């Protein structure tokens, strides 16, 4: 009996340890990219950005986090309290949970499952529920409108991302993310599938509610969208979820198109650098593109956003799927042909 209890306790602590292995580096990553985001935005506008708290303003983001931690959580009178509290927890938890299948380096992945792509799809699709719940539970028109916009936007652009991923999967023959990286040893998919990379990147901006597609939180119209009635740590959890999702999309983009942890050229000095370093560099390059677009591109109108998703990206990605499939069949390049 004691042996059984101790074994169960060991498993419990082991699982908690694995969860911390995801959460702690991801939290550190969110702090770094938040700081980088504000600095890049400031540089484009010829400002200094965060530069007071700590050397070069490095402690500004942790200071903001502490401020949110000690702030009072104010609940609106007409709010559905249960749903109101669940929404930010659900949003941030799902964003962090999606990282379980992301391989940072060869054999360094929490759960190397064969349906990694489907798992990420499931997690990002469920994230819509957190936003809808936040908008509905706040019992206010601005959060509700923001939540409706966000849900429609995320669902619309998930379709395009789905077709983009299908083209990659046809070239690989596996849903395992590590297999997708191994398939790019000779050539990164960024080169033959460049139009799909562009669609993936723009759809990722819309999927994560980033400018120029930040319609759900358009401050000119909807105050702060679905986050309007939130304060304190619950507001910070939405921020954590948002930036964890942005980093997830950057990681997914680097795995699907930029060779994941593989070095650009397999030659002597470059292949000595650990794969995790290459992976982090690629994620940061993609995030830099996210940040620059935030600073230089004006916001889309809602009808333009929907037209781009349904009338341009969807037909184009569908045609490219058919062209890729035809090319692979005609030149006898389909993977796992014997199965």
C-alpha atoms as a PDB file:
ATOM      1  CA  UNK A   1       0.000   0.000   0.000  1.00  0.00           C
ATOM      2  CA  UNK A   2       2.776   2.429   0.990  1.00  0.00           C
ATOM      3  CA  UNK A   3       4.740   1.459  -2.131  1.00  0.00           C
ATOM      4  CA  UNK A   4       1.662   2.199  -4.302  1.00  0.00           C
ATOM      5  CA  UNK A   5       1.124   5.618  -2.671  1.00  0.00           C
ATOM      6  CA  UNK A   6       4.809   6.521  -3.022  1.00  0.00           C
ATOM      7  CA  UNK A   7       4.763   5.442  -6.700  1.00  0.00           C
ATOM      8  CA  UNK A   8       1.673   7.588  -7.367  1.00  0.00           C
ATOM      9  CA  UNK A   9       3.279  10.531  -5.572  1.00  0.00           C
ATOM     10  CA  UNK A  10       6.423  10.086  -7.668  1.00  0.00           C
ATOM     11  CA  UNK A  11       4.324  10.161 -10.869  1.00  0.00           C
ATOM     12  CA  UNK A  12       2.467  13.249  -9.633  1.00  0.00           C
ATOM     13  CA  UNK A  13       5.690  15.147  -8.853  1.00  0.00           C
ATOM     14  CA  UNK A  14       7.169  13.980 -12.173  1.00  0.00           C
ATOM     15  CA  UNK A  15       4.182  15.425 -14.085  1.00  0.00           C
ATOM     16  CA  UNK A  16       4.373  18.677 -12.071  1.00  0.00           C
ATOM     17  CA  UNK A  17       8.102  18.874 -12.898  1.00  0.00           C
ATOM     18  CA  UNK A  18       7.392  18.400 -16.626  1.00  0.00           C
ATOM     19  CA  UNK A  19       4.715  21.118 -16.507  1.00  0.00           C
ATOM     20  CA  UNK A  20       7.199  23.487 -14.866  1.00  0.00           C
ATOM     21  CA  UNK A  21       9.714  22.626 -17.608  1.00  0.00           C
ATOM     22  CA  UNK A  22       7.255  24.149 -20.094  1.00  0.00           C
ATOM     23  CA  UNK A  23       5.906  26.971 -17.942  1.00  0.00           C
ATOM     24  CA  UNK A  24       9.102  28.537 -16.554  1.00  0.00           C
ATOM     25  CA  UNK A  25      11.031  28.940 -19.882  1.00  0.00           C
ATOM     26  CA  UNK A  26       7.809  30.076 -21.591  1.00  0.00           C
ATOM     27  CA  UNK A  27       7.181  32.714 -18.911  1.00  0.00           C
ATOM     28  CA  UNK A  28      10.772  33.920 -19.329  1.00  0.00           C
ATOM     29  CA  UNK A  29      10.262  33.970 -23.119  1.00  0.00           C
ATOM     30  CA  UNK A  30       7.063  36.030 -22.749  1.00  0.00           C
ATOM     31  CA  UNK A  31       8.920  38.583 -20.574  1.00  0.00           C
ATOM     32  CA  UNK A  32      11.739  38.844 -23.155  1.00  0.00           C
ATOM     33  CA  UNK A  33       9.440  39.245 -26.181  1.00  0.00           C
ATOM     34  CA  UNK A  34       7.194  41.739 -24.366  1.00  0.00           C
ATOM     35  CA  UNK A  35      10.271  43.864 -23.659  1.00  0.00           C
ATOM     36  CA  UNK A  36      11.488  43.433 -27.269  1.00  0.00           C
ATOM     37  CA  UNK A  37       8.023  44.309 -28.607  1.00  0.00           C
ATOM     38  CA  UNK A  38       7.937  47.597 -26.689  1.00  0.00           C
ATOM     39  CA  UNK A  39      11.534  48.467 -27.605  1.00  0.00           C
ATOM     40  CA  UNK A  40      10.987  47.789 -31.343  1.00  0.00           C
ATOM     41  CA  UNK A  41       7.756  49.797 -31.339  1.00  0.00           C
ATOM     42  CA  UNK A  42       9.575  52.669 -29.591  1.00  0.00           C
ATOM     43  CA  UNK A  43      12.530  52.524 -32.033  1.00  0.00           C
ATOM     44  CA  UNK A  44      10.216  52.810 -35.058  1.00  0.00           C
ATOM     45  CA  UNK A  45       8.551  55.870 -33.469  1.00  0.00           C
ATOM     46  CA  UNK A  46      11.948  57.358 -32.455  1.00  0.00           C
ATOM     47  CA  UNK A  47      11.262  56.950 -28.730  1.00  0.00           C
ATOM     48  CA  UNK A  48      13.372  55.289 -26.022  1.00  0.00           C
ATOM     49  CA  UNK A  49      10.780  52.785 -24.777  1.00  0.00           C
ATOM     50  CA  UNK A  50      11.178  51.183 -21.320  1.00  0.00           C
ATOM     51  CA  UNK A  51      14.421  52.631 -19.909  1.00  0.00           C
ATOM     52  CA  UNK A  52      13.867  53.537 -16.225  1.00  0.00           C
ATOM     53  CA  UNK A  53      13.324  50.353 -14.182  1.00  0.00           C
ATOM     54  CA  UNK A  54      16.615  48.443 -14.025  1.00  0.00           C
ATOM     55  CA  UNK A  55      19.530  48.609 -16.520  1.00  0.00           C
ATOM     56  CA  UNK A  56      18.211  49.551 -20.006  1.00  0.00           C
ATOM     57  CA  UNK A  57      14.660  49.154 -18.609  1.00  0.00           C
ATOM     58  CA  UNK A  58      15.062  45.352 -18.390  1.00  0.00           C
ATOM     59  CA  UNK A  59      13.025  45.079 -15.177  1.00  0.00           C
ATOM     60  CA  UNK A  60      10.055  47.030 -16.550  1.00  0.00           C
ATOM     61  CA  UNK A  61       8.075  43.932 -17.602  1.00  0.00           C
ATOM     62  CA  UNK A  62       8.566  42.021 -14.274  1.00  0.00           C
ATOM     63  CA  UNK A  63       7.608  45.295 -12.497  1.00  0.00           C
ATOM     64  CA  UNK A  64       4.396  45.483 -14.568  1.00  0.00           C
ATOM     65  CA  UNK A  65       3.678  41.840 -13.693  1.00  0.00           C
ATOM     66  CA  UNK A  66       4.104  42.567  -9.968  1.00  0.00           C
ATOM     67  CA  UNK A  67       1.844  45.611 -10.298  1.00  0.00           C
ATOM     68  CA  UNK A  68      -0.917  43.432 -11.791  1.00  0.00           C
ATOM     69  CA  UNK A  69      -0.350  40.792  -9.090  1.00  0.00           C
ATOM     70  CA  UNK A  70      -1.074  43.254  -6.261  1.00  0.00           C
ATOM     71  CA  UNK A  71      -3.929  45.082  -7.964  1.00  0.00           C
ATOM     72  CA  UNK A  72      -7.508  44.524  -6.809  1.00  0.00           C
ATOM     73  CA  UNK A  73      -9.662  42.305  -9.033  1.00  0.00           C
ATOM     74  CA  UNK A  74     -12.875  44.280  -9.606  1.00  0.00           C
ATOM     75  CA  UNK A  75     -15.844  42.167 -10.717  1.00  0.00           C
ATOM     76  CA  UNK A  76     -18.670  43.956 -12.584  1.00  0.00           C
ATOM     77  CA  UNK A  77     -22.092  43.827 -10.864  1.00  0.00           C
ATOM     78  CA  UNK A  78     -23.947  41.968 -13.588  1.00  0.00           C
ATOM     79  CA  UNK A  79     -21.116  39.540 -14.406  1.00  0.00           C
ATOM     80  CA  UNK A  80     -21.520  35.755 -14.379  1.00  0.00           C
ATOM     81  CA  UNK A  81     -18.803  35.261 -11.757  1.00  0.00           C
ATOM     82  CA  UNK A  82     -17.979  31.594 -12.482  1.00  0.00           C
ATOM     83  CA  UNK A  83     -17.548  32.075 -16.239  1.00  0.00           C
ATOM     84  CA  UNK A  84     -15.845  35.452 -15.627  1.00  0.00           C
ATOM     85  CA  UNK A  85     -13.111  33.759 -13.553  1.00  0.00           C
ATOM     86  CA  UNK A  86     -12.746  30.670 -15.774  1.00  0.00           C
ATOM     87  CA  UNK A  87     -12.194  32.668 -19.036  1.00  0.00           C
ATOM     88  CA  UNK A  88      -8.649  34.064 -18.422  1.00  0.00           C
ATOM     89  CA  UNK A  89      -7.525  30.798 -16.770  1.00  0.00           C
ATOM     90  CA  UNK A  90      -8.750  28.810 -19.797  1.00  0.00           C
ATOM     91  CA  UNK A  91      -7.099  31.192 -22.298  1.00  0.00           C
ATOM     92  CA  UNK A  92      -3.659  31.150 -20.644  1.00  0.00           C
ATOM     93  CA  UNK A  93      -3.740  27.405 -19.779  1.00  0.00           C
ATOM     94  CA  UNK A  94      -4.561  26.335 -23.352  1.00  0.00           C
ATOM     95  CA  UNK A  95      -1.875  28.647 -24.784  1.00  0.00           C
ATOM     96  CA  UNK A  96       0.739  27.078 -22.472  1.00  0.00           C
ATOM     97  CA  UNK A  97      -0.536  23.490 -22.949  1.00  0.00           C
ATOM     98  CA  UNK A  98      -0.040  23.726 -26.727  1.00  0.00           C
ATOM     99  CA  UNK A  99       3.738  23.935 -26.117  1.00  0.00           C
ATOM    100  CA  UNK A 100       3.810  20.307 -24.891  1.00  0.00           C
ATOM    101  CA  UNK A 101       4.395  18.972 -28.433  1.00  0.00           C
ATOM    102  CA  UNK A 102       6.848  21.621 -29.712  1.00  0.00           C
ATOM    103  CA  UNK A 103      10.336  20.096 -30.213  1.00  0.00           C
ATOM    104  CA  UNK A 104      13.025  22.607 -29.217  1.00  0.00           C
ATOM    105  CA  UNK A 105      15.872  20.296 -30.296  1.00  0.00           C
ATOM    106  CA  UNK A 106      16.316  16.689 -31.388  1.00  0.00           C
ATOM    107  CA  UNK A 107      14.796  14.472 -28.631  1.00  0.00           C
ATOM    108  CA  UNK A 108      14.014  17.552 -26.476  1.00  0.00           C
ATOM    109  CA  UNK A 109      10.211  17.592 -26.502  1.00  0.00           C
ATOM    110  CA  UNK A 110       7.782  17.016 -23.665  1.00  0.00           C
ATOM    111  CA  UNK A 111       5.403  14.778 -25.620  1.00  0.00           C
ATOM    112  CA  UNK A 112       6.566  13.495 -29.021  1.00  0.00           C
ATOM    113  CA  UNK A 113       3.131  12.313 -30.200  1.00  0.00           C
ATOM    114  CA  UNK A 114       2.326  11.280 -33.767  1.00  0.00           C
ATOM    115  CA  UNK A 115      -0.553  13.758 -34.037  1.00  0.00           C
ATOM    116  CA  UNK A 116       1.311  16.855 -32.811  1.00  0.00           C
ATOM    117  CA  UNK A 117      -0.150  19.099 -35.525  1.00  0.00           C
ATOM    118  CA  UNK A 118      -3.727  18.058 -34.657  1.00  0.00           C
ATOM    119  CA  UNK A 119      -3.024  18.662 -30.957  1.00  0.00           C
ATOM    120  CA  UNK A 120      -1.865  22.239 -31.659  1.00  0.00           C
ATOM    121  CA  UNK A 121      -4.950  22.788 -33.824  1.00  0.00           C
ATOM    122  CA  UNK A 122      -7.198  21.540 -31.015  1.00  0.00           C
ATOM    123  CA  UNK A 123      -5.558  23.783 -28.410  1.00  0.00           C
ATOM    124  CA  UNK A 124      -5.665  26.920 -30.580  1.00  0.00           C
ATOM    125  CA  UNK A 125      -9.320  26.227 -31.535  1.00  0.00           C
ATOM    126  CA  UNK A 126     -10.326  25.811 -27.887  1.00  0.00           C
ATOM    127  CA  UNK A 127      -8.663  29.154 -27.111  1.00  0.00           C
ATOM    128  CA  UNK A 128     -11.616  30.863 -28.849  1.00  0.00           C
ATOM    129  CA  UNK A 129     -13.897  29.653 -26.032  1.00  0.00           C
ATOM    130  CA  UNK A 130     -11.909  31.566 -23.395  1.00  0.00           C
ATOM    131  CA  UNK A 131     -12.351  34.801 -25.339  1.00  0.00           C
ATOM    132  CA  UNK A 132     -16.073  34.179 -25.981  1.00  0.00           C
ATOM    133  CA  UNK A 133     -16.611  33.386 -22.297  1.00  0.00           C
ATOM    134  CA  UNK A 134     -14.796  36.584 -21.256  1.00  0.00           C
ATOM    135  CA  UNK A 135     -16.944  38.714 -23.570  1.00  0.00           C
ATOM    136  CA  UNK A 136     -20.234  37.108 -22.534  1.00  0.00           C
ATOM    137  CA  UNK A 137     -19.569  36.916 -18.771  1.00  0.00           C
ATOM    138  CA  UNK A 138     -18.574  40.602 -18.500  1.00  0.00           C
ATOM    139  CA  UNK A 139     -22.218  41.604 -19.219  1.00  0.00           C
ATOM    140  CA  UNK A 140     -21.157  44.680 -21.185  1.00  0.00           C
ATOM    141  CA  UNK A 141     -21.608  45.517 -24.862  1.00  0.00           C
ATOM    142  CA  UNK A 142     -17.950  46.360 -25.664  1.00  0.00           C
ATOM    143  CA  UNK A 143     -16.446  43.076 -24.410  1.00  0.00           C
ATOM    144  CA  UNK A 144     -19.265  41.145 -26.094  1.00  0.00           C
ATOM    145  CA  UNK A 145     -18.662  42.804 -29.486  1.00  0.00           C
ATOM    146  CA  UNK A 146     -14.902  42.270 -29.097  1.00  0.00           C
ATOM    147  CA  UNK A 147     -15.411  38.584 -28.270  1.00  0.00           C
ATOM    148  CA  UNK A 148     -17.695  38.051 -31.281  1.00  0.00           C
ATOM    149  CA  UNK A 149     -15.159  39.695 -33.587  1.00  0.00           C
ATOM    150  CA  UNK A 150     -12.327  37.659 -32.127  1.00  0.00           C
ATOM    151  CA  UNK A 151     -14.166  34.346 -32.469  1.00  0.00           C
ATOM    152  CA  UNK A 152     -15.177  35.060 -36.083  1.00  0.00           C
ATOM    153  CA  UNK A 153     -11.641  36.178 -36.952  1.00  0.00           C
ATOM    154  CA  UNK A 154      -9.881  33.188 -35.363  1.00  0.00           C
ATOM    155  CA  UNK A 155     -12.263  30.657 -36.940  1.00  0.00           C
ATOM    156  CA  UNK A 156     -11.927  32.321 -40.384  1.00  0.00           C
ATOM    157  CA  UNK A 157      -8.132  32.274 -40.440  1.00  0.00           C
ATOM    158  CA  UNK A 158      -7.807  28.784 -38.929  1.00  0.00           C
ATOM    159  CA  UNK A 159      -9.230  27.458 -42.208  1.00  0.00           C
ATOM    160  CA  UNK A 160      -6.364  29.063 -44.197  1.00  0.00           C
ATOM    161  CA  UNK A 161      -3.758  27.832 -41.680  1.00  0.00           C
ATOM    162  CA  UNK A 162      -5.276  24.344 -42.009  1.00  0.00           C
ATOM    163  CA  UNK A 163      -4.734  24.277 -45.778  1.00  0.00           C
ATOM    164  CA  UNK A 164      -1.201  25.644 -45.363  1.00  0.00           C
ATOM    165  CA  UNK A 165      -0.371  22.810 -42.953  1.00  0.00           C
ATOM    166  CA  UNK A 166      -1.946  20.261 -45.336  1.00  0.00           C
ATOM    167  CA  UNK A 167       0.567  21.253 -48.068  1.00  0.00           C
ATOM    168  CA  UNK A 168       3.444  20.697 -45.616  1.00  0.00           C
ATOM    169  CA  UNK A 169       1.994  17.364 -44.442  1.00  0.00           C
ATOM    170  CA  UNK A 170       1.719  16.138 -48.044  1.00  0.00           C
ATOM    171  CA  UNK A 171       5.456  16.762 -48.451  1.00  0.00           C
ATOM    172  CA  UNK A 172       6.290  14.948 -45.189  1.00  0.00           C
ATOM    173  CA  UNK A 173       3.717  12.157 -44.800  1.00  0.00           C
ATOM    174  CA  UNK A 174       3.517  12.518 -41.004  1.00  0.00           C
ATOM    175  CA  UNK A 175       1.704  14.624 -38.388  1.00  0.00           C
ATOM    176  CA  UNK A 176       4.690  14.380 -36.027  1.00  0.00           C
ATOM    177  CA  UNK A 177       6.466  17.735 -35.653  1.00  0.00           C
ATOM    178  CA  UNK A 178       9.927  16.142 -35.325  1.00  0.00           C
ATOM    179  CA  UNK A 179       9.362  14.244 -38.601  1.00  0.00           C
ATOM    180  CA  UNK A 180       8.455  17.548 -40.288  1.00  0.00           C
ATOM    181  CA  UNK A 181      11.830  18.963 -39.189  1.00  0.00           C
ATOM    182  CA  UNK A 182      13.768  15.855 -40.375  1.00  0.00           C
ATOM    183  CA  UNK A 183      12.061  16.135 -43.793  1.00  0.00           C
ATOM    184  CA  UNK A 184      13.738  19.551 -44.282  1.00  0.00           C
ATOM    185  CA  UNK A 185      17.353  18.298 -44.052  1.00  0.00           C
ATOM    186  CA  UNK A 186      17.930  18.874 -47.776  1.00  0.00           C
ATOM    187  CA  UNK A 187      15.728  21.919 -48.387  1.00  0.00           C
ATOM    188  CA  UNK A 188      13.602  24.055 -46.062  1.00  0.00           C
ATOM    189  CA  UNK A 189       9.917  24.161 -47.079  1.00  0.00           C
ATOM    190  CA  UNK A 190      10.194  27.946 -46.934  1.00  0.00           C
ATOM    191  CA  UNK A 191      11.678  27.813 -50.490  1.00  0.00           C
ATOM    192  CA  UNK A 192       9.241  25.586 -52.471  1.00  0.00           C
ATOM    193  CA  UNK A 193       6.207  26.620 -50.397  1.00  0.00           C
ATOM    194  CA  UNK A 194       6.998  30.343 -50.100  1.00  0.00           C
ATOM    195  CA  UNK A 195       3.439  31.575 -50.976  1.00  0.00           C
ATOM    196  CA  UNK A 196       2.071  29.285 -48.246  1.00  0.00           C
ATOM    197  CA  UNK A 197       4.612  30.668 -45.774  1.00  0.00           C
ATOM    198  CA  UNK A 198       3.326  34.192 -46.496  1.00  0.00           C
ATOM    199  CA  UNK A 199      -0.295  33.061 -46.002  1.00  0.00           C
ATOM    200  CA  UNK A 200       0.681  31.231 -42.792  1.00  0.00           C
ATOM    201  CA  UNK A 201       2.424  34.305 -41.408  1.00  0.00           C
ATOM    202  CA  UNK A 202      -0.454  36.718 -42.168  1.00  0.00           C
ATOM    203  CA  UNK A 203      -3.020  34.192 -40.882  1.00  0.00           C
ATOM    204  CA  UNK A 204      -0.939  33.794 -37.693  1.00  0.00           C
ATOM    205  CA  UNK A 205      -1.195  37.574 -37.167  1.00  0.00           C
ATOM    206  CA  UNK A 206      -4.999  37.326 -37.452  1.00  0.00           C
ATOM    207  CA  UNK A 207      -5.158  34.151 -35.339  1.00  0.00           C
ATOM    208  CA  UNK A 208      -3.295  35.833 -32.444  1.00  0.00           C
ATOM    209  CA  UNK A 209      -5.235  39.147 -32.751  1.00  0.00           C
ATOM    210  CA  UNK A 210      -2.070  41.101 -33.566  1.00  0.00           C
ATOM    211  CA  UNK A 211      -1.966  44.368 -35.556  1.00  0.00           C
ATOM    212  CA  UNK A 212      -3.030  45.009 -38.284  1.00  0.00           C
ATOM    213  CA  UNK A 213      -5.769  42.512 -37.319  1.00  0.00           C
ATOM    214  CA  UNK A 214      -6.308  43.600 -33.695  1.00  0.00           C
ATOM    215  CA  UNK A 215      -9.996  44.353 -34.346  1.00  0.00           C
ATOM    216  CA  UNK A 216     -11.250  42.595 -31.167  1.00  0.00           C
ATOM    217  CA  UNK A 217      -9.399  45.129 -29.001  1.00  0.00           C
ATOM    218  CA  UNK A 218      -9.649  48.197 -31.278  1.00  0.00           C
ATOM    219  CA  UNK A 219      -9.306  50.897 -28.625  1.00  0.00           C
ATOM    220  CA  UNK A 220     -10.936  53.556 -30.842  1.00  0.00           C
ATOM    221  CA  UNK A 221     -14.187  51.545 -31.027  1.00  0.00           C
ATOM    222  CA  UNK A 222     -14.306  48.909 -28.283  1.00  0.00           C
ATOM    223  CA  UNK A 223     -12.176  50.354 -25.417  1.00  0.00           C
ATOM    224  CA  UNK A 224     -10.107  47.147 -24.862  1.00  0.00           C
ATOM    225  CA  UNK A 225     -12.449  44.561 -26.409  1.00  0.00           C
ATOM    226  CA  UNK A 226     -13.084  41.400 -24.399  1.00  0.00           C
ATOM    227  CA  UNK A 227     -10.513  42.502 -21.766  1.00  0.00           C
ATOM    228  CA  UNK A 228     -12.367  45.754 -20.898  1.00  0.00           C
ATOM    229  CA  UNK A 229     -13.943  44.612 -17.609  1.00  0.00           C
ATOM    230  CA  UNK A 230     -10.880  42.714 -16.356  1.00  0.00           C
ATOM    231  CA  UNK A 231      -8.270  44.004 -13.917  1.00  0.00           C
ATOM    232  CA  UNK A 232      -5.354  42.786 -11.833  1.00  0.00           C
ATOM    233  CA  UNK A 233      -3.885  39.341 -12.414  1.00  0.00           C
ATOM    234  CA  UNK A 234      -6.838  38.196 -14.536  1.00  0.00           C
ATOM    235  CA  UNK A 235      -5.997  40.893 -17.094  1.00  0.00           C
ATOM    236  CA  UNK A 236      -2.325  39.795 -16.952  1.00  0.00           C
ATOM    237  CA  UNK A 237      -3.384  36.182 -17.687  1.00  0.00           C
ATOM    238  CA  UNK A 238      -4.953  37.319 -20.960  1.00  0.00           C
ATOM    239  CA  UNK A 239      -1.644  39.001 -21.834  1.00  0.00           C
ATOM    240  CA  UNK A 240       0.262  35.836 -20.928  1.00  0.00           C
ATOM    241  CA  UNK A 241      -2.052  33.758 -23.130  1.00  0.00           C
ATOM    242  CA  UNK A 242      -1.764  36.206 -26.021  1.00  0.00           C
ATOM    243  CA  UNK A 243       2.047  36.285 -26.031  1.00  0.00           C
ATOM    244  CA  UNK A 244       2.326  32.508 -25.420  1.00  0.00           C
ATOM    245  CA  UNK A 245       0.142  32.069 -28.540  1.00  0.00           C
ATOM    246  CA  UNK A 246       2.331  34.482 -30.530  1.00  0.00           C
ATOM    247  CA  UNK A 247       5.461  32.534 -29.543  1.00  0.00           C
ATOM    248  CA  UNK A 248       3.642  29.284 -30.409  1.00  0.00           C
ATOM    249  CA  UNK A 249       2.864  30.563 -33.908  1.00  0.00           C
ATOM    250  CA  UNK A 250       6.509  31.664 -34.337  1.00  0.00           C
ATOM    251  CA  UNK A 251       7.689  28.192 -33.203  1.00  0.00           C
ATOM    252  CA  UNK A 252       5.193  26.481 -35.520  1.00  0.00           C
ATOM    253  CA  UNK A 253       6.308  28.677 -38.434  1.00  0.00           C
ATOM    254  CA  UNK A 254       9.961  27.807 -37.823  1.00  0.00           C
ATOM    255  CA  UNK A 255       9.150  24.050 -37.595  1.00  0.00           C
ATOM    256  CA  UNK A 256       6.916  23.952 -40.693  1.00  0.00           C
ATOM    257  CA  UNK A 257       8.964  26.195 -42.991  1.00  0.00           C
ATOM    258  CA  UNK A 258      12.372  27.125 -41.537  1.00  0.00           C
ATOM    259  CA  UNK A 259      13.747  23.699 -40.628  1.00  0.00           C
ATOM    260  CA  UNK A 260      13.108  23.878 -36.865  1.00  0.00           C
ATOM    261  CA  UNK A 261      16.346  23.212 -34.984  1.00  0.00           C
ATOM    262  CA  UNK A 262      18.396  22.482 -38.159  1.00  0.00           C
ATOM    263  CA  UNK A 263      21.210  24.877 -39.081  1.00  0.00           C
ATOM    264  CA  UNK A 264      20.795  26.835 -42.364  1.00  0.00           C
ATOM    265  CA  UNK A 265      23.787  25.054 -43.973  1.00  0.00           C
ATOM    266  CA  UNK A 266      25.157  21.758 -42.688  1.00  0.00           C
ATOM    267  CA  UNK A 267      28.823  22.861 -42.617  1.00  0.00           C
ATOM    268  CA  UNK A 268      31.543  22.743 -39.929  1.00  0.00           C
ATOM    269  CA  UNK A 269      31.224  25.895 -37.789  1.00  0.00           C
ATOM    270  CA  UNK A 270      27.414  26.155 -38.067  1.00  0.00           C
ATOM    271  CA  UNK A 271      26.560  22.536 -37.186  1.00  0.00           C
ATOM    272  CA  UNK A 272      28.477  22.832 -33.885  1.00  0.00           C
ATOM    273  CA  UNK A 273      25.841  25.283 -32.583  1.00  0.00           C
ATOM    274  CA  UNK A 274      23.155  23.419 -30.552  1.00  0.00           C
ATOM    275  CA  UNK A 275      19.795  22.933 -32.282  1.00  0.00           C
ATOM    276  CA  UNK A 276      17.941  24.745 -29.489  1.00  0.00           C
ATOM    277  CA  UNK A 277      19.938  27.911 -30.269  1.00  0.00           C
ATOM    278  CA  UNK A 278      18.917  27.772 -33.957  1.00  0.00           C
ATOM    279  CA  UNK A 279      15.291  27.197 -32.933  1.00  0.00           C
ATOM    280  CA  UNK A 280      15.316  30.219 -30.591  1.00  0.00           C
ATOM    281  CA  UNK A 281      16.993  32.408 -33.265  1.00  0.00           C
ATOM    282  CA  UNK A 282      14.290  31.476 -35.811  1.00  0.00           C
ATOM    283  CA  UNK A 283      11.487  32.129 -33.293  1.00  0.00           C
ATOM    284  CA  UNK A 284      12.989  35.553 -32.490  1.00  0.00           C
ATOM    285  CA  UNK A 285      13.347  36.437 -36.210  1.00  0.00           C
ATOM    286  CA  UNK A 286       9.655  35.635 -36.776  1.00  0.00           C
ATOM    287  CA  UNK A 287       8.698  37.584 -33.652  1.00  0.00           C
ATOM    288  CA  UNK A 288      10.727  40.570 -34.909  1.00  0.00           C
ATOM    289  CA  UNK A 289       8.556  40.471 -38.055  1.00  0.00           C
ATOM    290  CA  UNK A 290       5.425  40.386 -35.842  1.00  0.00           C
ATOM    291  CA  UNK A 291       6.686  43.437 -33.897  1.00  0.00           C
ATOM    292  CA  UNK A 292       7.714  45.462 -36.974  1.00  0.00           C
ATOM    293  CA  UNK A 293       4.312  44.890 -38.611  1.00  0.00           C
ATOM    294  CA  UNK A 294       2.631  46.153 -35.416  1.00  0.00           C
ATOM    295  CA  UNK A 295       4.607  49.374 -35.685  1.00  0.00           C
ATOM    296  CA  UNK A 296       4.299  50.137 -39.414  1.00  0.00           C
ATOM    297  CA  UNK A 297       0.983  48.725 -40.737  1.00  0.00           C
ATOM    298  CA  UNK A 298      -2.376  50.495 -40.147  1.00  0.00           C
ATOM    299  CA  UNK A 299      -5.353  48.541 -38.806  1.00  0.00           C
ATOM    300  CA  UNK A 300      -7.707  46.794 -41.240  1.00  0.00           C
ATOM    301  CA  UNK A 301     -11.450  47.414 -41.304  1.00  0.00           C
ATOM    302  CA  UNK A 302     -13.514  44.416 -40.203  1.00  0.00           C
ATOM    303  CA  UNK A 303     -15.031  43.803 -43.660  1.00  0.00           C
ATOM    304  CA  UNK A 304     -11.530  43.959 -45.248  1.00  0.00           C
ATOM    305  CA  UNK A 305     -10.290  41.421 -42.714  1.00  0.00           C
ATOM    306  CA  UNK A 306     -13.068  38.952 -43.521  1.00  0.00           C
ATOM    307  CA  UNK A 307     -12.725  39.483 -47.280  1.00  0.00           C
ATOM    308  CA  UNK A 308      -8.979  38.769 -47.114  1.00  0.00           C
ATOM    309  CA  UNK A 309      -9.568  35.544 -45.177  1.00  0.00           C
ATOM    310  CA  UNK A 310     -12.499  34.059 -47.116  1.00  0.00           C
ATOM    311  CA  UNK A 311     -12.148  35.495 -50.640  1.00  0.00           C
ATOM    312  CA  UNK A 312      -8.357  35.631 -51.103  1.00  0.00           C
ATOM    313  CA  UNK A 313      -6.492  33.321 -48.706  1.00  0.00           C
ATOM    314  CA  UNK A 314      -8.966  30.428 -48.710  1.00  0.00           C
ATOM    315  CA  UNK A 315      -9.241  29.982 -52.533  1.00  0.00           C
ATOM    316  CA  UNK A 316      -5.490  30.595 -53.039  1.00  0.00           C
ATOM    317  CA  UNK A 317      -4.451  28.080 -50.364  1.00  0.00           C
ATOM    318  CA  UNK A 318      -6.920  25.507 -51.750  1.00  0.00           C
ATOM    319  CA  UNK A 319      -5.497  25.923 -55.269  1.00  0.00           C
ATOM    320  CA  UNK A 320      -1.934  25.614 -53.905  1.00  0.00           C
ATOM    321  CA  UNK A 321      -2.887  22.379 -52.081  1.00  0.00           C
ATOM    322  CA  UNK A 322      -4.126  20.919 -55.401  1.00  0.00           C
ATOM    323  CA  UNK A 323      -0.989  22.118 -57.261  1.00  0.00           C
ATOM    324  CA  UNK A 324       1.331  20.653 -54.585  1.00  0.00           C
ATOM    325  CA  UNK A 325      -0.511  17.310 -54.638  1.00  0.00           C
ATOM    326  CA  UNK A 326      -0.395  17.204 -58.464  1.00  0.00           C
ATOM    327  CA  UNK A 327       3.340  18.006 -58.478  1.00  0.00           C
ATOM    328  CA  UNK A 328       4.146  15.312 -55.900  1.00  0.00           C
ATOM    329  CA  UNK A 329       2.115  12.650 -57.740  1.00  0.00           C
ATOM    330  CA  UNK A 330       3.400  13.578 -61.231  1.00  0.00           C
ATOM    331  CA  UNK A 331       7.088  13.518 -60.220  1.00  0.00           C
ATOM    332  CA  UNK A 332       6.624  10.492 -57.954  1.00  0.00           C
ATOM    333  CA  UNK A 333       7.788  12.400 -54.846  1.00  0.00           C
ATOM    334  CA  UNK A 334       5.068  11.309 -52.414  1.00  0.00           C
ATOM    335  CA  UNK A 335       6.560  10.213 -49.045  1.00  0.00           C
ATOM    336  CA  UNK A 336       5.928   6.755 -47.477  1.00  0.00           C
ATOM    337  CA  UNK A 337       4.751   5.397 -50.812  1.00  0.00           C
ATOM    338  CA  UNK A 338       5.096   1.780 -49.749  1.00  0.00           C
ATOM    339  CA  UNK A 339       2.593   2.074 -46.873  1.00  0.00           C
END
